[in-house]
Amino acid sequence: MKNIIILTLILLLSLSVSLAQDSQYSNQNTFDKTFVTNTDNLEEIYRQLEVPKFKYIHDVDPDESFDIQNKTWSPYPLLKLGSTVYFKNITIPPGYYLLTPREHDGGLYMLFKDSGKVRYIVPIYKKEIVPRNFYEENLEKPKLTISQKIHVKTLEFVGNHVKSSMRKPEQKSFLEMSDLNNNFVSLILYWGDYKYYIVVRTIQL
């Protein structure tokens, strides 16, 4: 009985702290979603990049089974592509694609997946570490009612303190996509600790 009371007090304390933080967050300025991408030498980078010459057996990413184990839904960020884009002789039509960065033979590539299959592969030309606190500053927090917050905090508390219920934190992700000069499109995928850069075009070059 004593342990239950202690656990209840800890839960209520964590909830009060969370409510205070949410209130502070709601008073902050809205994040400026105008992305600035350096386009210097972008055409040269595009011309030097090679079209990937490898394919996956049956168009299946072999590492996907490891990524999705013990998960309810796909951990990959979803891109909604409203119009056709091109990477040299690769044509990527409009649609919904799960983006997955992968390494192959020392190179980095972005996989465009649809219905569990790898449809297109585009080279990644740069990889960088995500700045500290980027996700906290740029990802919108869900607006929950008090009862929903209590429910979520209860699940988090159980998941963090009961060994049989412990889960690894989900990979956080963020997408920046910008139309640039000369029909170039910059796509930057933030996924976990790293961000990945690819460049495509709205008109074939």
C-alpha atoms as a PDB file:
ATOM      1  CA  MET A   1       0.000   0.000   0.000  1.00  0.00           C
ATOM      2  CA  LYS A   2       2.851   2.355   0.867  1.00  0.00           C
ATOM      3  CA  ASN A   3       4.515   1.707  -2.503  1.00  0.00           C
ATOM      4  CA  ILE A   4       1.280   2.484  -4.366  1.00  0.00           C
ATOM      5  CA  ILE A   5       0.961   5.830  -2.544  1.00  0.00           C
ATOM      6  CA  ILE A   6       4.571   6.732  -3.369  1.00  0.00           C
ATOM      7  CA  LEU A   7       4.090   5.821  -7.030  1.00  0.00           C
ATOM      8  CA  THR A   8       0.891   7.896  -7.191  1.00  0.00           C
ATOM      9  CA  LEU A   9       2.652  10.942  -5.686  1.00  0.00           C
ATOM     10  CA  ILE A  10       5.538  10.634  -8.151  1.00  0.00           C
ATOM     11  CA  LEU A  11       3.092  10.382 -11.053  1.00  0.00           C
ATOM     12  CA  LEU A  12       1.135  13.461  -9.943  1.00  0.00           C
ATOM     13  CA  LEU A  13       4.365  15.416  -9.498  1.00  0.00           C
ATOM     14  CA  SER A  14       5.600  14.510 -12.997  1.00  0.00           C
ATOM     15  CA  LEU A  15       2.200  15.488 -14.437  1.00  0.00           C
ATOM     16  CA  SER A  16       2.301  18.909 -12.753  1.00  0.00           C
ATOM     17  CA  VAL A  17       5.792  19.530 -14.124  1.00  0.00           C
ATOM     18  CA  SER A  18       4.624  18.502 -17.588  1.00  0.00           C
ATOM     19  CA  LEU A  19       1.633  20.854 -17.467  1.00  0.00           C
ATOM     20  CA  ALA A  20       3.906  23.724 -16.443  1.00  0.00           C
ATOM     21  CA  GLN A  21       6.288  22.977 -19.297  1.00  0.00           C
ATOM     22  CA  ASP A  22       3.419  22.781 -21.796  1.00  0.00           C
ATOM     23  CA  SER A  23       2.118  26.117 -20.619  1.00  0.00           C
ATOM     24  CA  GLN A  24       5.566  27.655 -21.043  1.00  0.00           C
ATOM     25  CA  TYR A  25       5.900  26.098 -24.487  1.00  0.00           C
ATOM     26  CA  SER A  26       2.542  27.458 -25.657  1.00  0.00           C
ATOM     27  CA  ASN A  27       3.725  30.993 -24.891  1.00  0.00           C
ATOM     28  CA  GLN A  28       6.772  30.722 -27.108  1.00  0.00           C
ATOM     29  CA  ASN A  29       6.882  32.263 -30.564  1.00  0.00           C
ATOM     30  CA  THR A  30       5.812  30.119 -33.502  1.00  0.00           C
ATOM     31  CA  PHE A  31       8.736  28.464 -35.271  1.00  0.00           C
ATOM     32  CA  ASP A  32       9.737  30.140 -38.522  1.00  0.00           C
ATOM     33  CA  LYS A  33       9.367  27.478 -41.225  1.00  0.00           C
ATOM     34  CA  THR A  34      11.204  29.445 -43.905  1.00  0.00           C
ATOM     35  CA  PHE A  35      14.200  27.270 -44.667  1.00  0.00           C
ATOM     36  CA  VAL A  36      17.338  28.740 -46.175  1.00  0.00           C
ATOM     37  CA  THR A  37      19.439  26.312 -48.201  1.00  0.00           C
ATOM     38  CA  ASN A  38      22.848  27.170 -49.577  1.00  0.00           C
ATOM     39  CA  THR A  39      22.610  26.588 -53.336  1.00  0.00           C
ATOM     40  CA  ASP A  40      26.274  27.305 -54.108  1.00  0.00           C
ATOM     41  CA  ASN A  41      27.719  24.552 -56.307  1.00  0.00           C
ATOM     42  CA  LEU A  42      24.448  22.606 -56.117  1.00  0.00           C
ATOM     43  CA  GLU A  43      24.360  22.051 -59.871  1.00  0.00           C
ATOM     44  CA  GLU A  44      27.948  20.793 -59.777  1.00  0.00           C
ATOM     45  CA  ILE A  45      27.078  18.428 -56.925  1.00  0.00           C
ATOM     46  CA  TYR A  46      24.071  17.162 -58.889  1.00  0.00           C
ATOM     47  CA  ARG A  47      26.137  16.524 -62.013  1.00  0.00           C
ATOM     48  CA  GLN A  48      28.845  14.667 -60.076  1.00  0.00           C
ATOM     49  CA  LEU A  49      26.436  12.349 -58.274  1.00  0.00           C
ATOM     50  CA  GLU A  50      26.038   8.963 -59.928  1.00  0.00           C
ATOM     51  CA  VAL A  51      22.824   7.077 -60.498  1.00  0.00           C
ATOM     52  CA  PRO A  52      22.763   4.077 -58.120  1.00  0.00           C
ATOM     53  CA  LYS A  53      23.559   0.843 -59.952  1.00  0.00           C
ATOM     54  CA  PHE A  54      22.411  -1.608 -57.302  1.00  0.00           C
ATOM     55  CA  LYS A  55      19.008  -2.999 -56.410  1.00  0.00           C
ATOM     56  CA  TYR A  56      17.588  -4.899 -53.476  1.00  0.00           C
ATOM     57  CA  ILE A  57      16.430  -8.475 -53.939  1.00  0.00           C
ATOM     58  CA  HIS A  58      12.681  -8.398 -54.578  1.00  0.00           C
ATOM     59  CA  ASP A  59      12.877  -4.646 -53.818  1.00  0.00           C
ATOM     60  CA  VAL A  60      12.898  -5.411 -50.081  1.00  0.00           C
ATOM     61  CA  ASP A  61      15.081  -3.471 -47.638  1.00  0.00           C
ATOM     62  CA  PRO A  62      16.755  -6.259 -45.583  1.00  0.00           C
ATOM     63  CA  ASP A  63      17.261  -3.995 -42.552  1.00  0.00           C
ATOM     64  CA  GLU A  64      13.603  -3.000 -42.312  1.00  0.00           C
ATOM     65  CA  SER A  65      12.623  -6.063 -40.279  1.00  0.00           C
ATOM     66  CA  PHE A  66      15.096  -5.000 -37.583  1.00  0.00           C
ATOM     67  CA  ASP A  67      13.842  -1.394 -37.562  1.00  0.00           C
ATOM     68  CA  ILE A  68      10.172  -2.289 -37.190  1.00  0.00           C
ATOM     69  CA  GLN A  69      10.443  -5.081 -34.624  1.00  0.00           C
ATOM     70  CA  ASN A  70       8.409  -4.361 -31.486  1.00  0.00           C
ATOM     71  CA  LYS A  71       6.817  -1.316 -33.175  1.00  0.00           C
ATOM     72  CA  THR A  72       3.152  -0.722 -33.856  1.00  0.00           C
ATOM     73  CA  TRP A  73       3.722   1.422 -36.952  1.00  0.00           C
ATOM     74  CA  SER A  74       6.506   2.239 -39.382  1.00  0.00           C
ATOM     75  CA  PRO A  75       9.324   4.332 -37.886  1.00  0.00           C
ATOM     76  CA  TYR A  76      10.187   5.931 -41.242  1.00  0.00           C
ATOM     77  CA  PRO A  77       9.172   9.512 -42.093  1.00  0.00           C
ATOM     78  CA  LEU A  78       6.443   9.880 -44.695  1.00  0.00           C
ATOM     79  CA  LEU A  79       6.920  12.194 -47.675  1.00  0.00           C
ATOM     80  CA  LYS A  80       3.906  13.406 -49.634  1.00  0.00           C
ATOM     81  CA  LEU A  81       5.162  14.245 -53.103  1.00  0.00           C
ATOM     82  CA  GLY A  82       2.707  16.466 -54.961  1.00  0.00           C
ATOM     83  CA  SER A  83       4.431  16.511 -58.343  1.00  0.00           C
ATOM     84  CA  THR A  84       6.987  14.512 -60.305  1.00  0.00           C
ATOM     85  CA  VAL A  85      10.672  14.989 -59.485  1.00  0.00           C
ATOM     86  CA  TYR A  86      13.740  13.644 -61.247  1.00  0.00           C
ATOM     87  CA  PHE A  87      17.203  12.483 -60.415  1.00  0.00           C
ATOM     88  CA  LYS A  88      18.918  12.209 -63.803  1.00  0.00           C
ATOM     89  CA  ASN A  89      17.201   9.234 -65.490  1.00  0.00           C
ATOM     90  CA  ILE A  90      15.164   8.327 -62.390  1.00  0.00           C
ATOM     91  CA  THR A  91      11.574   9.599 -62.457  1.00  0.00           C
ATOM     92  CA  ILE A  92       9.753   9.731 -59.112  1.00  0.00           C
ATOM     93  CA  PRO A  93       6.001  10.303 -59.641  1.00  0.00           C
ATOM     94  CA  PRO A  94       3.638  11.960 -57.140  1.00  0.00           C
ATOM     95  CA  GLY A  95       2.639   9.818 -54.191  1.00  0.00           C
ATOM     96  CA  TYR A  96       3.392   8.889 -50.602  1.00  0.00           C
ATOM     97  CA  TYR A  97       6.856   7.519 -49.838  1.00  0.00           C
ATOM     98  CA  LEU A  98       8.518   6.291 -46.680  1.00  0.00           C
ATOM     99  CA  LEU A  99      12.058   7.693 -46.665  1.00  0.00           C
ATOM    100  CA  THR A 100      14.899   5.574 -45.328  1.00  0.00           C
ATOM    101  CA  PRO A 101      18.609   6.478 -45.342  1.00  0.00           C
ATOM    102  CA  ARG A 102      20.851   3.477 -45.920  1.00  0.00           C
ATOM    103  CA  GLU A 103      24.545   2.765 -46.451  1.00  0.00           C
ATOM    104  CA  HIS A 104      25.642   0.523 -49.308  1.00  0.00           C
ATOM    105  CA  ASP A 105      29.245  -0.280 -50.252  1.00  0.00           C
ATOM    106  CA  GLY A 106      30.506   2.821 -48.454  1.00  0.00           C
ATOM    107  CA  GLY A 107      27.951   5.176 -50.028  1.00  0.00           C
ATOM    108  CA  LEU A 108      24.833   6.754 -48.549  1.00  0.00           C
ATOM    109  CA  TYR A 109      21.473   6.491 -50.288  1.00  0.00           C
ATOM    110  CA  MET A 110      17.883   7.553 -49.687  1.00  0.00           C
ATOM    111  CA  LEU A 111      15.316   4.816 -50.267  1.00  0.00           C
ATOM    112  CA  PHE A 112      11.848   5.816 -51.438  1.00  0.00           C
ATOM    113  CA  LYS A 113       9.505   3.048 -50.279  1.00  0.00           C
ATOM    114  CA  ASP A 114       5.917   2.371 -51.260  1.00  0.00           C
ATOM    115  CA  SER A 115       3.772  -0.550 -50.054  1.00  0.00           C
ATOM    116  CA  GLY A 116       6.786  -2.096 -48.359  1.00  0.00           C
ATOM    117  CA  LYS A 117       8.902  -2.069 -51.536  1.00  0.00           C
ATOM    118  CA  VAL A 118      11.931   0.044 -52.444  1.00  0.00           C
ATOM    119  CA  ARG A 119      10.742   1.954 -55.511  1.00  0.00           C
ATOM    120  CA  TYR A 120      13.556   4.463 -56.018  1.00  0.00           C
ATOM    121  CA  ILE A 121      17.099   5.003 -54.740  1.00  0.00           C
ATOM    122  CA  VAL A 122      18.735   8.453 -54.742  1.00  0.00           C
ATOM    123  CA  PRO A 123      22.281   9.221 -53.522  1.00  0.00           C
ATOM    124  CA  ILE A 124      22.768  11.268 -50.361  1.00  0.00           C
ATOM    125  CA  TYR A 125      25.460  13.893 -50.879  1.00  0.00           C
ATOM    126  CA  LYS A 126      25.900  15.090 -47.296  1.00  0.00           C
ATOM    127  CA  LYS A 127      25.346  13.802 -43.774  1.00  0.00           C
ATOM    128  CA  GLU A 128      25.515  15.987 -40.659  1.00  0.00           C
ATOM    129  CA  ILE A 129      24.758  15.714 -36.958  1.00  0.00           C
ATOM    130  CA  VAL A 130      21.398  17.165 -35.905  1.00  0.00           C
ATOM    131  CA  PRO A 131      21.901  20.216 -33.642  1.00  0.00           C
ATOM    132  CA  ARG A 132      21.208  19.748 -29.960  1.00  0.00           C
ATOM    133  CA  ASN A 133      17.563  20.413 -28.970  1.00  0.00           C
ATOM    134  CA  PHE A 134      16.502  20.675 -32.643  1.00  0.00           C
ATOM    135  CA  TYR A 135      13.523  18.354 -32.255  1.00  0.00           C
ATOM    136  CA  GLU A 136      12.386  19.981 -29.019  1.00  0.00           C
ATOM    137  CA  GLU A 137      12.441  23.397 -30.688  1.00  0.00           C
ATOM    138  CA  ASN A 138      10.891  22.459 -34.033  1.00  0.00           C
ATOM    139  CA  LEU A 139       8.485  19.564 -33.528  1.00  0.00           C
ATOM    140  CA  GLU A 140       5.006  20.646 -32.502  1.00  0.00           C
ATOM    141  CA  LYS A 141       3.759  19.138 -29.281  1.00  0.00           C
ATOM    142  CA  PRO A 142       0.360  17.415 -29.484  1.00  0.00           C
ATOM    143  CA  LYS A 143      -2.472  19.283 -27.788  1.00  0.00           C
ATOM    144  CA  LEU A 144      -3.926  16.921 -25.212  1.00  0.00           C
ATOM    145  CA  THR A 145      -6.708  17.263 -22.690  1.00  0.00           C
ATOM    146  CA  ILE A 146      -5.872  16.843 -19.003  1.00  0.00           C
ATOM    147  CA  SER A 147      -7.278  13.295 -18.994  1.00  0.00           C
ATOM    148  CA  GLN A 148      -5.213  12.418 -22.086  1.00  0.00           C
ATOM    149  CA  LYS A 149      -2.086  13.823 -20.434  1.00  0.00           C
ATOM    150  CA  ILE A 150      -2.719  11.725 -17.340  1.00  0.00           C
ATOM    151  CA  HIS A 151      -3.189   8.640 -19.527  1.00  0.00           C
ATOM    152  CA  VAL A 152       0.009   9.311 -21.513  1.00  0.00           C
ATOM    153  CA  LYS A 153       2.041  10.044 -18.376  1.00  0.00           C
ATOM    154  CA  THR A 154       0.774   6.839 -16.769  1.00  0.00           C
ATOM    155  CA  LEU A 155       1.869   4.810 -19.792  1.00  0.00           C
ATOM    156  CA  GLU A 156       5.248   6.569 -19.871  1.00  0.00           C
ATOM    157  CA  PHE A 157       5.767   5.969 -16.158  1.00  0.00           C
ATOM    158  CA  VAL A 158       4.977   2.264 -16.468  1.00  0.00           C
ATOM    159  CA  GLY A 159       7.125   1.966 -19.593  1.00  0.00           C
ATOM    160  CA  ASN A 160      10.089   3.631 -17.890  1.00  0.00           C
ATOM    161  CA  HIS A 161       9.940   1.741 -14.590  1.00  0.00           C
ATOM    162  CA  VAL A 162       8.500  -1.716 -15.323  1.00  0.00           C
ATOM    163  CA  LYS A 163      11.156  -3.835 -17.048  1.00  0.00           C
ATOM    164  CA  SER A 164       8.692  -6.005 -18.955  1.00  0.00           C
ATOM    165  CA  SER A 165       7.115  -2.863 -20.473  1.00  0.00           C
ATOM    166  CA  MET A 166      10.261  -0.887 -21.276  1.00  0.00           C
ATOM    167  CA  ARG A 167      10.591   0.238 -24.905  1.00  0.00           C
ATOM    168  CA  LYS A 168      13.267   2.073 -26.832  1.00  0.00           C
ATOM    169  CA  PRO A 169      12.365   5.678 -27.679  1.00  0.00           C
ATOM    170  CA  GLU A 170      11.068   6.221 -31.208  1.00  0.00           C
ATOM    171  CA  GLN A 171      13.357   7.803 -33.790  1.00  0.00           C
ATOM    172  CA  LYS A 172      12.424  11.451 -34.144  1.00  0.00           C
ATOM    173  CA  SER A 173      12.271  12.851 -37.656  1.00  0.00           C
ATOM    174  CA  PHE A 174      11.747  16.098 -39.513  1.00  0.00           C
ATOM    175  CA  LEU A 175      11.625  17.030 -43.209  1.00  0.00           C
ATOM    176  CA  GLU A 176      12.715  20.179 -45.017  1.00  0.00           C
ATOM    177  CA  MET A 177      11.845  20.432 -48.705  1.00  0.00           C
ATOM    178  CA  SER A 178      12.576  23.597 -50.657  1.00  0.00           C
ATOM    179  CA  ASP A 179      12.115  24.687 -54.277  1.00  0.00           C
ATOM    180  CA  LEU A 180      15.344  26.319 -55.422  1.00  0.00           C
ATOM    181  CA  ASN A 181      16.513  28.238 -58.471  1.00  0.00           C
ATOM    182  CA  ASN A 182      17.044  26.505 -61.809  1.00  0.00           C
ATOM    183  CA  ASN A 183      14.400  23.828 -61.075  1.00  0.00           C
ATOM    184  CA  PHE A 184      16.345  22.193 -58.246  1.00  0.00           C
ATOM    185  CA  VAL A 185      14.632  20.782 -55.160  1.00  0.00           C
ATOM    186  CA  SER A 186      16.479  20.325 -51.867  1.00  0.00           C
ATOM    187  CA  LEU A 187      15.276  17.649 -49.457  1.00  0.00           C
ATOM    188  CA  ILE A 188      16.805  17.347 -45.989  1.00  0.00           C
ATOM    189  CA  LEU A 189      15.743  14.443 -43.798  1.00  0.00           C
ATOM    190  CA  TYR A 190      16.383  14.693 -40.065  1.00  0.00           C
ATOM    191  CA  TRP A 191      16.252  11.191 -38.668  1.00  0.00           C
ATOM    192  CA  GLY A 192      17.508  10.393 -35.204  1.00  0.00           C
ATOM    193  CA  ASP A 193      20.956  11.875 -34.596  1.00  0.00           C
ATOM    194  CA  TYR A 194      21.702  12.748 -38.223  1.00  0.00           C
ATOM    195  CA  LYS A 195      20.353  14.745 -41.144  1.00  0.00           C
ATOM    196  CA  TYR A 196      20.720  13.664 -44.749  1.00  0.00           C
ATOM    197  CA  TYR A 197      20.779  15.833 -47.882  1.00  0.00           C
ATOM    198  CA  ILE A 198      19.556  14.902 -51.349  1.00  0.00           C
ATOM    199  CA  VAL A 199      18.920  17.028 -54.428  1.00  0.00           C
ATOM    200  CA  VAL A 200      16.425  16.372 -57.224  1.00  0.00           C
ATOM    201  CA  ARG A 201      14.886  18.423 -60.012  1.00  0.00           C
ATOM    202  CA  THR A 202      11.411  19.342 -61.242  1.00  0.00           C
ATOM    203  CA  ILE A 203      12.691  19.151 -64.850  1.00  0.00           C
ATOM    204  CA  GLN A 204      15.214  16.644 -66.145  1.00  0.00           C
ATOM    205  CA  LEU A 205      18.703  18.032 -66.738  1.00  0.00           C
END
